[in-house]
Amino acid sequence: ADMFANEEGGPEPDWVITEREQFSDFRDLNKDGKMDKDEIQHWILPQDYDHALAEARHLVYESDVDKDQKLTKQEVLDNWNMFVGSQATNYGEDLTRDHDEL
C-alpha cells in the first residue's frame, strides 16, 4: 500500500501484477502468503547466485558499445561512471592499477 493503493478500484499496473507473481512463484516458498526469516534470507542471499559474475556481466552489457563481448579502453573511459560506481572495481580504485587485460 506504500507504493500502490488501488483506491479507485481500477486495474492494477503491470508492475504490481508482476510483483505479485514474483512473490507467489519465487519468494513465498511455503505458500503461506507472507515471507518468513528463511524466505527473506533466500531472497537476499541466494545460494545459487554469483554476485561478482552478475556485476561483471552488467558492466560489459552496459559498456560494450559494439557488442563484441570485449571492452576497449575507450569503452571503459566512455562509461567511467559505471565502473567507478561498481563494487566489482572496488568503486574505481582497481582501475588505477596496471592491468594487462586493459
N, C-alpha and C. Protein backbone atom coordinates (compact mmCIF):
# COMPACT_ATOMS: atom_id res chain seq x y z
N ALA A 1 0.82 -1.19 0.00
CA ALA A 1 0.00 0.00 0.00
C ALA A 1 0.87 1.26 0.00
N ASP A 2 2.13 1.15 0.45
CA ASP A 2 3.02 2.31 0.43
C ASP A 2 3.34 2.75 -0.99
N MET A 3 3.45 1.79 -1.91
CA MET A 3 3.84 2.11 -3.28
C MET A 3 2.65 2.20 -4.22
N PHE A 4 1.58 1.48 -3.89
CA PHE A 4 0.40 1.50 -4.76
C PHE A 4 -0.84 1.21 -3.91
N ALA A 5 -1.77 2.11 -3.92
CA ALA A 5 -3.04 1.92 -3.25
C ALA A 5 -4.14 2.02 -4.30
N ASN A 6 -4.81 0.94 -4.52
CA ASN A 6 -5.86 0.90 -5.53
C ASN A 6 -7.15 1.46 -4.94
N GLU A 7 -7.16 2.76 -4.72
CA GLU A 7 -8.30 3.41 -4.09
C GLU A 7 -9.49 3.60 -5.03
N GLU A 8 -9.20 3.66 -6.31
CA GLU A 8 -10.27 3.91 -7.28
C GLU A 8 -10.92 2.62 -7.78
N GLY A 9 -10.34 1.48 -7.41
CA GLY A 9 -10.90 0.21 -7.83
C GLY A 9 -10.60 -0.15 -9.26
N GLY A 10 -9.71 0.60 -9.92
CA GLY A 10 -9.35 0.32 -11.30
C GLY A 10 -8.36 -0.83 -11.40
N PRO A 11 -7.92 -1.10 -12.60
CA PRO A 11 -6.97 -2.20 -12.80
C PRO A 11 -5.60 -1.88 -12.17
N GLU A 12 -4.92 -2.92 -11.76
CA GLU A 12 -3.57 -2.76 -11.20
C GLU A 12 -2.57 -2.52 -12.33
N PRO A 13 -1.56 -1.72 -12.07
CA PRO A 13 -0.50 -1.53 -13.08
C PRO A 13 0.24 -2.85 -13.32
N ASP A 14 0.89 -2.94 -14.48
CA ASP A 14 1.62 -4.17 -14.83
C ASP A 14 2.68 -4.52 -13.80
N TRP A 15 3.37 -3.50 -13.25
CA TRP A 15 4.44 -3.80 -12.30
C TRP A 15 3.90 -4.44 -11.02
N VAL A 16 2.68 -4.08 -10.61
CA VAL A 16 2.08 -4.69 -9.43
C VAL A 16 1.75 -6.15 -9.71
N ILE A 17 1.20 -6.41 -10.87
CA ILE A 17 0.88 -7.78 -11.26
C ILE A 17 2.15 -8.62 -11.30
N THR A 18 3.21 -8.07 -11.89
CA THR A 18 4.49 -8.79 -11.97
C THR A 18 5.04 -9.07 -10.58
N GLU A 19 4.98 -8.09 -9.70
CA GLU A 19 5.48 -8.27 -8.33
C GLU A 19 4.67 -9.33 -7.59
N ARG A 20 3.36 -9.35 -7.78
CA ARG A 20 2.54 -10.38 -7.14
C ARG A 20 2.94 -11.78 -7.64
N GLU A 21 3.18 -11.89 -8.93
CA GLU A 21 3.60 -13.18 -9.49
C GLU A 21 4.96 -13.59 -8.96
N GLN A 22 5.90 -12.65 -8.89
CA GLN A 22 7.23 -12.93 -8.34
C GLN A 22 7.12 -13.42 -6.90
N PHE A 23 6.28 -12.75 -6.13
CA PHE A 23 6.10 -13.14 -4.74
C PHE A 23 5.56 -14.56 -4.64
N SER A 24 4.47 -14.83 -5.34
CA SER A 24 3.84 -16.15 -5.20
C SER A 24 4.67 -17.27 -5.82
N ASP A 25 5.38 -16.98 -6.91
CA ASP A 25 6.14 -18.02 -7.59
C ASP A 25 7.53 -18.26 -7.01
N PHE A 26 8.19 -17.19 -6.51
CA PHE A 26 9.59 -17.32 -6.13
C PHE A 26 9.91 -16.92 -4.69
N ARG A 27 9.16 -16.04 -4.08
CA ARG A 27 9.51 -15.55 -2.75
C ARG A 27 8.82 -16.33 -1.63
N ASP A 28 7.53 -16.56 -1.79
CA ASP A 28 6.74 -17.25 -0.76
C ASP A 28 6.88 -18.76 -0.96
N LEU A 29 8.02 -19.30 -0.54
CA LEU A 29 8.33 -20.70 -0.82
C LEU A 29 7.38 -21.68 -0.14
N ASN A 30 6.90 -21.35 1.05
CA ASN A 30 5.99 -22.27 1.75
C ASN A 30 4.52 -21.95 1.48
N LYS A 31 4.27 -20.96 0.63
CA LYS A 31 2.92 -20.59 0.16
C LYS A 31 1.96 -20.24 1.30
N ASP A 32 2.47 -19.52 2.33
CA ASP A 32 1.60 -19.11 3.42
C ASP A 32 1.15 -17.65 3.30
N GLY A 33 1.52 -16.98 2.20
CA GLY A 33 1.08 -15.61 1.97
C GLY A 33 1.95 -14.54 2.58
N LYS A 34 3.02 -14.93 3.24
CA LYS A 34 3.96 -13.97 3.82
C LYS A 34 5.36 -14.56 3.79
N MET A 35 6.35 -13.68 3.95
CA MET A 35 7.74 -14.14 3.92
C MET A 35 8.27 -14.28 5.35
N ASP A 36 8.78 -15.46 5.66
CA ASP A 36 9.39 -15.67 6.97
C ASP A 36 10.90 -15.41 6.87
N LYS A 37 11.60 -15.58 7.96
CA LYS A 37 13.03 -15.29 8.03
C LYS A 37 13.82 -16.09 6.98
N ASP A 38 13.54 -17.36 6.84
CA ASP A 38 14.27 -18.19 5.87
C ASP A 38 14.01 -17.75 4.43
N GLU A 39 12.77 -17.38 4.12
CA GLU A 39 12.44 -16.91 2.77
C GLU A 39 13.12 -15.58 2.47
N ILE A 40 13.19 -14.71 3.44
CA ILE A 40 13.88 -13.43 3.25
C ILE A 40 15.37 -13.66 3.03
N GLN A 41 15.96 -14.56 3.82
CA GLN A 41 17.38 -14.87 3.66
C GLN A 41 17.66 -15.46 2.27
N HIS A 42 16.81 -16.35 1.82
CA HIS A 42 16.97 -16.94 0.48
C HIS A 42 16.85 -15.89 -0.60
N TRP A 43 15.99 -14.91 -0.41
CA TRP A 43 15.78 -13.83 -1.38
C TRP A 43 16.99 -12.89 -1.41
N ILE A 44 17.48 -12.49 -0.25
CA ILE A 44 18.57 -11.52 -0.18
C ILE A 44 19.93 -12.16 -0.44
N LEU A 45 20.13 -13.38 0.04
CA LEU A 45 21.41 -14.08 -0.12
C LEU A 45 21.20 -15.45 -0.77
N PRO A 46 20.76 -15.48 -2.03
CA PRO A 46 20.53 -16.78 -2.68
C PRO A 46 21.83 -17.56 -2.80
N GLN A 47 21.74 -18.85 -2.59
CA GLN A 47 22.91 -19.71 -2.63
C GLN A 47 23.45 -19.92 -4.04
N ASP A 48 22.60 -19.82 -5.03
CA ASP A 48 22.99 -20.13 -6.40
C ASP A 48 23.23 -18.89 -7.26
N TYR A 49 23.52 -17.75 -6.63
CA TYR A 49 23.70 -16.50 -7.36
C TYR A 49 25.11 -15.98 -7.16
N ASP A 50 25.82 -15.74 -8.25
CA ASP A 50 27.19 -15.23 -8.19
C ASP A 50 27.15 -13.72 -8.42
N HIS A 51 27.28 -12.97 -7.34
CA HIS A 51 27.17 -11.51 -7.43
C HIS A 51 28.26 -10.89 -8.29
N ALA A 52 29.48 -11.39 -8.17
CA ALA A 52 30.59 -10.84 -8.96
C ALA A 52 30.36 -11.08 -10.44
N LEU A 53 29.94 -12.27 -10.81
CA LEU A 53 29.67 -12.58 -12.21
C LEU A 53 28.52 -11.72 -12.74
N ALA A 54 27.47 -11.55 -11.95
CA ALA A 54 26.34 -10.73 -12.38
C ALA A 54 26.77 -9.28 -12.58
N GLU A 55 27.59 -8.74 -11.69
CA GLU A 55 28.05 -7.35 -11.83
C GLU A 55 28.97 -7.21 -13.04
N ALA A 56 29.84 -8.19 -13.26
CA ALA A 56 30.73 -8.13 -14.43
C ALA A 56 29.91 -8.17 -15.72
N ARG A 57 28.92 -9.04 -15.79
CA ARG A 57 28.07 -9.11 -16.98
C ARG A 57 27.32 -7.80 -17.19
N HIS A 58 26.86 -7.21 -16.11
CA HIS A 58 26.16 -5.93 -16.20
C HIS A 58 27.08 -4.85 -16.76
N LEU A 59 28.30 -4.77 -16.27
CA LEU A 59 29.25 -3.75 -16.74
C LEU A 59 29.56 -3.94 -18.22
N VAL A 60 29.79 -5.18 -18.62
CA VAL A 60 30.08 -5.45 -20.04
C VAL A 60 28.87 -5.12 -20.89
N TYR A 61 27.69 -5.57 -20.47
CA TYR A 61 26.47 -5.33 -21.26
C TYR A 61 26.23 -3.83 -21.46
N GLU A 62 26.38 -3.06 -20.41
CA GLU A 62 26.10 -1.64 -20.48
C GLU A 62 27.18 -0.84 -21.21
N SER A 63 28.41 -1.32 -21.20
CA SER A 63 29.53 -0.54 -21.74
C SER A 63 30.03 -1.01 -23.10
N ASP A 64 29.72 -2.21 -23.49
CA ASP A 64 30.22 -2.79 -24.73
C ASP A 64 29.40 -2.28 -25.93
N VAL A 65 29.78 -1.13 -26.45
CA VAL A 65 29.01 -0.45 -27.50
C VAL A 65 28.90 -1.30 -28.75
N ASP A 66 29.99 -1.94 -29.17
CA ASP A 66 29.96 -2.73 -30.40
C ASP A 66 29.51 -4.18 -30.18
N LYS A 67 29.17 -4.52 -28.95
CA LYS A 67 28.62 -5.84 -28.58
C LYS A 67 29.50 -7.00 -29.03
N ASP A 68 30.84 -6.83 -28.87
CA ASP A 68 31.75 -7.92 -29.21
C ASP A 68 32.20 -8.70 -27.98
N GLN A 69 31.58 -8.44 -26.83
CA GLN A 69 31.88 -9.09 -25.56
C GLN A 69 33.29 -8.79 -25.05
N LYS A 70 33.87 -7.72 -25.56
CA LYS A 70 35.19 -7.27 -25.11
C LYS A 70 35.11 -5.77 -24.89
N LEU A 71 35.76 -5.30 -23.85
CA LEU A 71 35.76 -3.87 -23.59
C LEU A 71 37.08 -3.26 -24.01
N THR A 72 37.00 -2.23 -24.81
CA THR A 72 38.19 -1.48 -25.16
C THR A 72 38.43 -0.43 -24.08
N LYS A 73 39.62 0.13 -24.11
CA LYS A 73 39.93 1.19 -23.16
C LYS A 73 38.95 2.34 -23.34
N GLN A 74 38.62 2.65 -24.58
CA GLN A 74 37.70 3.76 -24.85
C GLN A 74 36.30 3.47 -24.31
N GLU A 75 35.83 2.23 -24.44
CA GLU A 75 34.51 1.89 -23.92
C GLU A 75 34.47 2.05 -22.39
N VAL A 76 35.55 1.67 -21.74
CA VAL A 76 35.63 1.84 -20.29
C VAL A 76 35.65 3.33 -19.94
N LEU A 77 36.47 4.09 -20.66
CA LEU A 77 36.55 5.53 -20.39
C LEU A 77 35.22 6.24 -20.66
N ASP A 78 34.54 5.83 -21.72
CA ASP A 78 33.26 6.45 -22.05
C ASP A 78 32.20 6.15 -20.99
N ASN A 79 32.38 5.08 -20.25
CA ASN A 79 31.42 4.68 -19.23
C ASN A 79 32.07 4.65 -17.85
N TRP A 80 33.01 5.54 -17.63
CA TRP A 80 33.78 5.55 -16.39
C TRP A 80 32.88 5.62 -15.15
N ASN A 81 31.77 6.32 -15.25
CA ASN A 81 30.90 6.46 -14.08
C ASN A 81 30.30 5.12 -13.63
N MET A 82 30.05 4.22 -14.58
CA MET A 82 29.55 2.90 -14.21
C MET A 82 30.62 2.10 -13.47
N PHE A 83 31.85 2.21 -13.94
CA PHE A 83 32.93 1.45 -13.33
C PHE A 83 33.33 2.01 -11.97
N VAL A 84 33.35 3.32 -11.87
CA VAL A 84 33.72 3.94 -10.59
C VAL A 84 32.65 3.65 -9.54
N GLY A 85 31.43 3.51 -9.96
CA GLY A 85 30.34 3.23 -9.03
C GLY A 85 30.10 1.76 -8.78
N SER A 86 30.97 0.90 -9.29
CA SER A 86 30.76 -0.54 -9.19
C SER A 86 31.60 -1.17 -8.09
N GLN A 87 30.97 -2.04 -7.35
CA GLN A 87 31.70 -2.79 -6.33
C GLN A 87 32.72 -3.72 -6.99
N ALA A 88 32.47 -4.14 -8.22
CA ALA A 88 33.39 -5.04 -8.92
C ALA A 88 34.75 -4.41 -9.15
N THR A 89 34.81 -3.09 -9.22
CA THR A 89 36.09 -2.39 -9.41
C THR A 89 36.56 -1.74 -8.12
N ASN A 90 35.98 -2.19 -6.99
CA ASN A 90 36.30 -1.60 -5.70
C ASN A 90 36.02 -0.09 -5.75
N TYR A 91 34.90 0.24 -6.38
CA TYR A 91 34.44 1.63 -6.55
C TYR A 91 35.50 2.49 -7.23
N GLY A 92 36.11 1.90 -8.27
CA GLY A 92 37.05 2.64 -9.11
C GLY A 92 38.50 2.51 -8.72
N GLU A 93 38.77 2.08 -7.51
CA GLU A 93 40.15 2.00 -7.04
C GLU A 93 40.98 1.02 -7.87
N ASP A 94 40.40 -0.09 -8.28
CA ASP A 94 41.13 -1.08 -9.07
C ASP A 94 41.48 -0.58 -10.46
N LEU A 95 40.78 0.43 -10.94
CA LEU A 95 41.07 0.97 -12.28
C LEU A 95 42.35 1.78 -12.30
N THR A 96 42.88 2.14 -11.15
CA THR A 96 44.11 2.94 -11.12
C THR A 96 45.35 2.07 -11.18
N ARG A 97 45.18 0.76 -11.09
CA ARG A 97 46.31 -0.16 -11.13
C ARG A 97 46.53 -0.65 -12.55
N ASP A 98 47.78 -1.03 -12.88
CA ASP A 98 48.08 -1.56 -14.21
C ASP A 98 47.45 -2.93 -14.38
N HIS A 99 46.80 -3.12 -15.53
CA HIS A 99 46.17 -4.40 -15.85
C HIS A 99 46.52 -4.77 -17.29
N ASP A 100 46.93 -6.01 -17.49
CA ASP A 100 47.23 -6.50 -18.83
C ASP A 100 45.98 -6.53 -19.72
N GLU A 101 44.83 -6.87 -19.09
CA GLU A 101 43.61 -7.00 -19.88
C GLU A 101 43.05 -5.67 -20.35
N LEU A 102 43.52 -4.57 -19.79
CA LEU A 102 43.05 -3.27 -20.24
C LEU A 102 44.00 -2.75 -21.29
